[in-house]
């Protein structure tokens, strides 16, 4: 069963799911931080003073969607309709989504 679950996901998707699980455990927030360029001057100055430990998103939009789904699933939240739509738009099939949920076991 485990091998069939893993075979539905690529190695990169499995890694993105593991990153999402770790993010849920460490940060309790699955949304990536606002890009540094979009912050105001005061916010950038505060981050410069205290350090920037904000959660970063993945560069690949498909892997970022997998990471956010895994993070929400691990945190016990139901994924939003927008996230599920994004997963479908990125080409993830229901078998992929089930495989990410199967990695929780």
N, C-alpha and C. Protein backbone atom coordinates (compact mmCIF):
# COMPACT_ATOMS: atom_id res chain seq x y z
N UNK A 1 0.83 -1.19 0.00
CA UNK A 1 0.00 0.00 0.00
C UNK A 1 0.87 1.25 0.00
N UNK A 2 1.90 1.29 0.84
CA UNK A 2 2.76 2.47 0.94
C UNK A 2 3.47 2.72 -0.39
N UNK A 3 3.95 1.65 -1.07
CA UNK A 3 4.65 1.85 -2.33
C UNK A 3 3.71 2.38 -3.40
N UNK A 4 2.46 1.93 -3.42
CA UNK A 4 1.52 2.45 -4.41
C UNK A 4 1.17 3.90 -4.13
N UNK A 5 1.11 4.28 -2.86
CA UNK A 5 0.84 5.67 -2.51
C UNK A 5 2.00 6.53 -2.96
N UNK A 6 3.23 6.10 -2.71
CA UNK A 6 4.40 6.88 -3.07
C UNK A 6 4.60 6.94 -4.57
N UNK A 7 4.21 5.87 -5.28
CA UNK A 7 4.43 5.87 -6.72
C UNK A 7 3.53 6.88 -7.43
N UNK A 8 2.44 7.30 -6.82
CA UNK A 8 1.57 8.29 -7.43
C UNK A 8 2.21 9.67 -7.40
N UNK A 9 3.18 9.89 -6.52
CA UNK A 9 3.84 11.18 -6.38
C UNK A 9 5.28 11.10 -6.88
N UNK A 10 5.75 12.18 -7.48
CA UNK A 10 7.15 12.25 -7.86
C UNK A 10 7.99 12.49 -6.60
N UNK A 11 9.30 12.34 -6.73
CA UNK A 11 10.18 12.60 -5.58
C UNK A 11 10.06 14.04 -5.11
N UNK A 12 9.93 14.96 -6.06
CA UNK A 12 9.80 16.37 -5.71
C UNK A 12 8.50 16.64 -4.96
N UNK A 13 7.42 16.00 -5.39
CA UNK A 13 6.13 16.17 -4.71
C UNK A 13 6.17 15.56 -3.31
N UNK A 14 6.84 14.42 -3.16
CA UNK A 14 6.99 13.84 -1.82
C UNK A 14 7.78 14.77 -0.92
N UNK A 15 8.84 15.37 -1.46
CA UNK A 15 9.65 16.31 -0.67
C UNK A 15 8.84 17.54 -0.29
N UNK A 16 8.03 18.05 -1.22
CA UNK A 16 7.18 19.21 -0.92
C UNK A 16 6.17 18.87 0.17
N UNK A 17 5.62 17.65 0.12
CA UNK A 17 4.67 17.23 1.16
C UNK A 17 5.36 17.14 2.51
N UNK A 18 6.58 16.60 2.54
CA UNK A 18 7.33 16.52 3.81
C UNK A 18 7.64 17.91 4.35
N UNK A 19 7.98 18.83 3.47
CA UNK A 19 8.23 20.21 3.90
C UNK A 19 6.96 20.81 4.48
N UNK A 20 5.82 20.55 3.86
CA UNK A 20 4.54 21.02 4.38
C UNK A 20 4.21 20.44 5.75
N UNK A 21 4.51 19.15 5.94
CA UNK A 21 4.28 18.53 7.25
C UNK A 21 5.15 19.19 8.31
N UNK A 22 6.41 19.44 7.97
CA UNK A 22 7.32 20.09 8.92
C UNK A 22 6.89 21.52 9.21
N UNK A 23 6.42 22.24 8.18
CA UNK A 23 5.94 23.61 8.39
C UNK A 23 4.76 23.64 9.34
N UNK A 24 3.85 22.69 9.20
CA UNK A 24 2.69 22.64 10.09
C UNK A 24 3.12 22.38 11.52
N UNK A 25 4.12 21.54 11.69
CA UNK A 25 4.61 21.21 13.03
C UNK A 25 5.34 22.39 13.66
N UNK A 26 6.16 23.09 12.87
CA UNK A 26 6.99 24.16 13.42
C UNK A 26 6.32 25.52 13.47
N UNK A 27 5.54 25.86 12.45
CA UNK A 27 5.05 27.23 12.33
C UNK A 27 3.57 27.39 12.62
N UNK A 28 2.79 26.33 12.54
CA UNK A 28 1.34 26.38 12.75
C UNK A 28 0.66 27.33 11.77
N UNK A 29 1.35 27.68 10.69
CA UNK A 29 0.78 28.55 9.67
C UNK A 29 1.30 28.06 8.33
N UNK A 30 0.40 27.86 7.39
CA UNK A 30 0.78 27.25 6.13
C UNK A 30 0.97 28.25 5.00
N UNK A 31 0.60 29.49 5.23
CA UNK A 31 0.74 30.49 4.19
C UNK A 31 2.15 31.05 4.18
N UNK A 32 2.77 31.14 3.01
CA UNK A 32 4.11 31.72 2.95
C UNK A 32 4.07 33.21 3.28
N UNK A 33 5.19 33.74 3.67
CA UNK A 33 5.30 35.14 4.04
C UNK A 33 5.13 36.03 2.82
N UNK A 34 4.72 37.25 3.09
CA UNK A 34 4.63 38.27 2.05
C UNK A 34 6.04 38.52 1.53
N UNK A 35 6.22 38.61 0.22
CA UNK A 35 7.57 38.88 -0.30
C UNK A 35 8.16 40.15 0.29
N UNK A 36 9.45 40.13 0.48
CA UNK A 36 10.17 41.24 1.12
C UNK A 36 9.92 42.55 0.39
N UNK A 37 9.79 42.49 -0.94
CA UNK A 37 9.59 43.70 -1.73
C UNK A 37 8.24 44.35 -1.47
N UNK A 38 7.25 43.58 -1.02
CA UNK A 38 5.91 44.11 -0.79
C UNK A 38 5.73 44.68 0.61
N UNK A 39 6.71 44.53 1.47
CA UNK A 39 6.62 45.06 2.82
C UNK A 39 6.90 46.55 2.83
N UNK A 40 6.34 47.22 3.81
CA UNK A 40 6.62 48.64 3.98
C UNK A 40 8.01 48.87 4.53
N UNK A 41 8.41 50.12 4.54
CA UNK A 41 9.76 50.47 4.99
C UNK A 41 9.96 50.10 6.47
N UNK A 42 8.96 50.38 7.31
CA UNK A 42 9.08 50.08 8.74
C UNK A 42 9.17 48.56 8.97
N UNK A 43 8.38 47.80 8.24
CA UNK A 43 8.42 46.33 8.39
C UNK A 43 9.77 45.77 7.98
N UNK A 44 10.32 46.27 6.89
CA UNK A 44 11.64 45.81 6.45
C UNK A 44 12.70 46.16 7.48
N UNK A 45 12.60 47.34 8.09
CA UNK A 45 13.57 47.76 9.09
C UNK A 45 13.48 46.85 10.33
N UNK A 46 12.27 46.52 10.74
CA UNK A 46 12.09 45.63 11.90
C UNK A 46 12.67 44.25 11.59
N UNK A 47 12.39 43.73 10.40
CA UNK A 47 12.95 42.43 10.02
C UNK A 47 14.46 42.47 9.96
N UNK A 48 15.01 43.60 9.52
CA UNK A 48 16.46 43.74 9.47
C UNK A 48 17.05 43.72 10.88
N UNK A 49 16.33 44.32 11.83
CA UNK A 49 16.82 44.38 13.21
C UNK A 49 16.72 43.05 13.94
N UNK A 50 15.57 42.38 13.79
CA UNK A 50 15.33 41.16 14.58
C UNK A 50 15.59 39.87 13.81
N UNK A 51 15.77 39.97 12.51
CA UNK A 51 15.99 38.78 11.70
C UNK A 51 14.72 38.35 11.01
N UNK A 52 14.87 37.69 9.91
CA UNK A 52 13.73 37.30 9.08
C UNK A 52 13.60 35.78 9.10
N UNK A 53 12.74 35.28 9.98
CA UNK A 53 12.51 33.84 10.09
C UNK A 53 11.14 33.45 9.55
N UNK A 54 10.62 34.27 8.65
CA UNK A 54 9.29 34.00 8.12
C UNK A 54 9.30 32.78 7.20
N UNK A 55 8.16 32.15 7.09
CA UNK A 55 8.00 30.97 6.24
C UNK A 55 8.10 31.36 4.78
N UNK A 56 8.90 30.65 4.04
CA UNK A 56 9.09 30.91 2.61
C UNK A 56 8.30 29.90 1.78
N UNK A 57 7.76 30.35 0.68
CA UNK A 57 7.07 29.47 -0.25
C UNK A 57 8.06 28.81 -1.18
N UNK A 58 7.65 27.74 -1.83
CA UNK A 58 8.50 27.07 -2.80
C UNK A 58 8.42 27.79 -4.14
N UNK A 59 9.46 27.74 -4.93
CA UNK A 59 9.53 28.46 -6.20
C UNK A 59 8.59 27.87 -7.25
N UNK A 60 8.41 26.57 -7.24
CA UNK A 60 7.55 25.90 -8.21
C UNK A 60 6.10 26.00 -7.72
N UNK A 61 5.18 26.61 -8.49
CA UNK A 61 3.79 26.75 -8.03
C UNK A 61 3.10 25.42 -7.75
N UNK A 62 3.40 24.39 -8.55
CA UNK A 62 2.79 23.07 -8.31
C UNK A 62 3.26 22.49 -6.98
N UNK A 63 4.55 22.57 -6.72
CA UNK A 63 5.08 22.05 -5.46
C UNK A 63 4.63 22.90 -4.27
N UNK A 64 4.46 24.21 -4.48
CA UNK A 64 3.96 25.07 -3.41
C UNK A 64 2.52 24.70 -3.06
N UNK A 65 1.71 24.37 -4.06
CA UNK A 65 0.34 23.93 -3.80
C UNK A 65 0.33 22.62 -3.02
N UNK A 66 1.22 21.69 -3.38
CA UNK A 66 1.33 20.42 -2.64
C UNK A 66 1.77 20.70 -1.20
N UNK A 67 2.74 21.61 -1.02
CA UNK A 67 3.23 21.95 0.32
C UNK A 67 2.10 22.54 1.17
N UNK A 68 1.35 23.48 0.59
CA UNK A 68 0.25 24.10 1.35
C UNK A 68 -0.84 23.09 1.70
N UNK A 69 -1.15 22.17 0.76
CA UNK A 69 -2.14 21.13 1.03
C UNK A 69 -1.67 20.21 2.15
N UNK A 70 -0.42 19.78 2.08
CA UNK A 70 0.12 18.90 3.11
C UNK A 70 0.14 19.60 4.46
N UNK A 71 0.51 20.88 4.47
CA UNK A 71 0.56 21.64 5.71
C UNK A 71 -0.84 21.76 6.33
N UNK A 72 -1.83 22.09 5.50
CA UNK A 72 -3.20 22.22 6.02
C UNK A 72 -3.72 20.88 6.51
N UNK A 73 -3.42 19.82 5.77
CA UNK A 73 -3.88 18.49 6.17
C UNK A 73 -3.25 18.07 7.49
N UNK A 74 -1.94 18.29 7.63
CA UNK A 74 -1.23 17.92 8.86
C UNK A 74 -1.72 18.74 10.06
N UNK A 75 -2.04 20.01 9.81
CA UNK A 75 -2.51 20.88 10.89
C UNK A 75 -3.95 20.58 11.29
N UNK A 76 -4.63 19.73 10.52
CA UNK A 76 -5.99 19.35 10.85
C UNK A 76 -7.05 20.26 10.26
N UNK A 77 -6.65 21.13 9.33
CA UNK A 77 -7.59 22.04 8.68
C UNK A 77 -8.08 21.41 7.38
N UNK A 78 -9.31 21.70 7.05
CA UNK A 78 -9.81 21.28 5.74
C UNK A 78 -9.24 22.23 4.70
N UNK A 79 -8.67 21.70 3.62
CA UNK A 79 -8.12 22.58 2.59
C UNK A 79 -9.22 23.45 1.99
N UNK A 80 -8.89 24.68 1.67
CA UNK A 80 -9.87 25.60 1.11
C UNK A 80 -10.26 25.19 -0.30
N UNK A 81 -11.41 25.68 -0.72
CA UNK A 81 -11.88 25.40 -2.07
C UNK A 81 -10.89 25.98 -3.09
N UNK A 82 -10.34 27.15 -2.78
CA UNK A 82 -9.37 27.78 -3.68
C UNK A 82 -8.12 26.91 -3.83
N UNK A 83 -7.65 26.35 -2.72
CA UNK A 83 -6.47 25.49 -2.78
C UNK A 83 -6.76 24.22 -3.57
N UNK A 84 -7.92 23.64 -3.37
CA UNK A 84 -8.28 22.43 -4.12
C UNK A 84 -8.39 22.75 -5.62
N UNK A 85 -8.94 23.92 -5.95
CA UNK A 85 -9.01 24.34 -7.34
C UNK A 85 -7.63 24.54 -7.92
N UNK A 86 -6.73 25.11 -7.12
CA UNK A 86 -5.36 25.33 -7.57
C UNK A 86 -4.66 23.99 -7.81
N UNK A 87 -4.88 23.02 -6.93
CA UNK A 87 -4.30 21.70 -7.12
C UNK A 87 -4.79 21.07 -8.42
N UNK A 88 -6.08 21.21 -8.68
CA UNK A 88 -6.64 20.66 -9.93
C UNK A 88 -6.10 21.38 -11.14
N UNK A 89 -5.95 22.70 -11.06
CA UNK A 89 -5.40 23.47 -12.18
C UNK A 89 -3.95 23.11 -12.45
N UNK A 90 -3.21 22.73 -11.40
CA UNK A 90 -1.81 22.35 -11.55
C UNK A 90 -1.66 20.92 -12.08
N UNK A 91 -2.78 20.23 -12.30
CA UNK A 91 -2.72 18.90 -12.89
C UNK A 91 -2.65 17.77 -11.89
N UNK A 92 -2.89 18.04 -10.62
CA UNK A 92 -2.87 16.97 -9.63
C UNK A 92 -4.20 16.23 -9.66
N UNK A 93 -4.12 14.94 -9.79
CA UNK A 93 -5.30 14.09 -9.85
C UNK A 93 -5.73 13.73 -8.42
N UNK A 94 -6.96 13.23 -8.26
CA UNK A 94 -7.38 12.78 -6.93
C UNK A 94 -6.45 11.72 -6.34
N UNK A 95 -5.83 10.91 -7.19
CA UNK A 95 -4.90 9.90 -6.67
C UNK A 95 -3.67 10.56 -6.05
N UNK A 96 -3.22 11.70 -6.61
CA UNK A 96 -2.10 12.43 -6.03
C UNK A 96 -2.48 13.02 -4.67
N UNK A 97 -3.68 13.57 -4.61
CA UNK A 97 -4.16 14.17 -3.35
C UNK A 97 -4.29 13.09 -2.28
N UNK A 98 -4.83 11.93 -2.68
CA UNK A 98 -4.92 10.82 -1.73
C UNK A 98 -3.54 10.33 -1.30
N UNK A 99 -2.59 10.39 -2.20
CA UNK A 99 -1.22 9.96 -1.87
C UNK A 99 -0.60 10.90 -0.84
N UNK A 100 -0.84 12.20 -0.98
CA UNK A 100 -0.32 13.15 0.02
C UNK A 100 -0.97 12.86 1.37
N UNK A 101 -2.27 12.64 1.37
CA UNK A 101 -2.95 12.30 2.63
C UNK A 101 -2.45 10.97 3.17
N UNK A 102 -2.11 10.03 2.30
CA UNK A 102 -1.58 8.72 2.73
C UNK A 102 -0.21 8.82 3.38
N UNK A 103 0.54 9.86 3.05
CA UNK A 103 1.85 10.04 3.68
C UNK A 103 1.73 10.42 5.15
N UNK A 104 0.55 10.85 5.56
CA UNK A 104 0.34 11.21 6.97
C UNK A 104 0.36 10.00 7.87
N UNK A 105 0.02 8.85 7.33
CA UNK A 105 -0.09 7.63 8.12
C UNK A 105 1.25 7.12 8.54
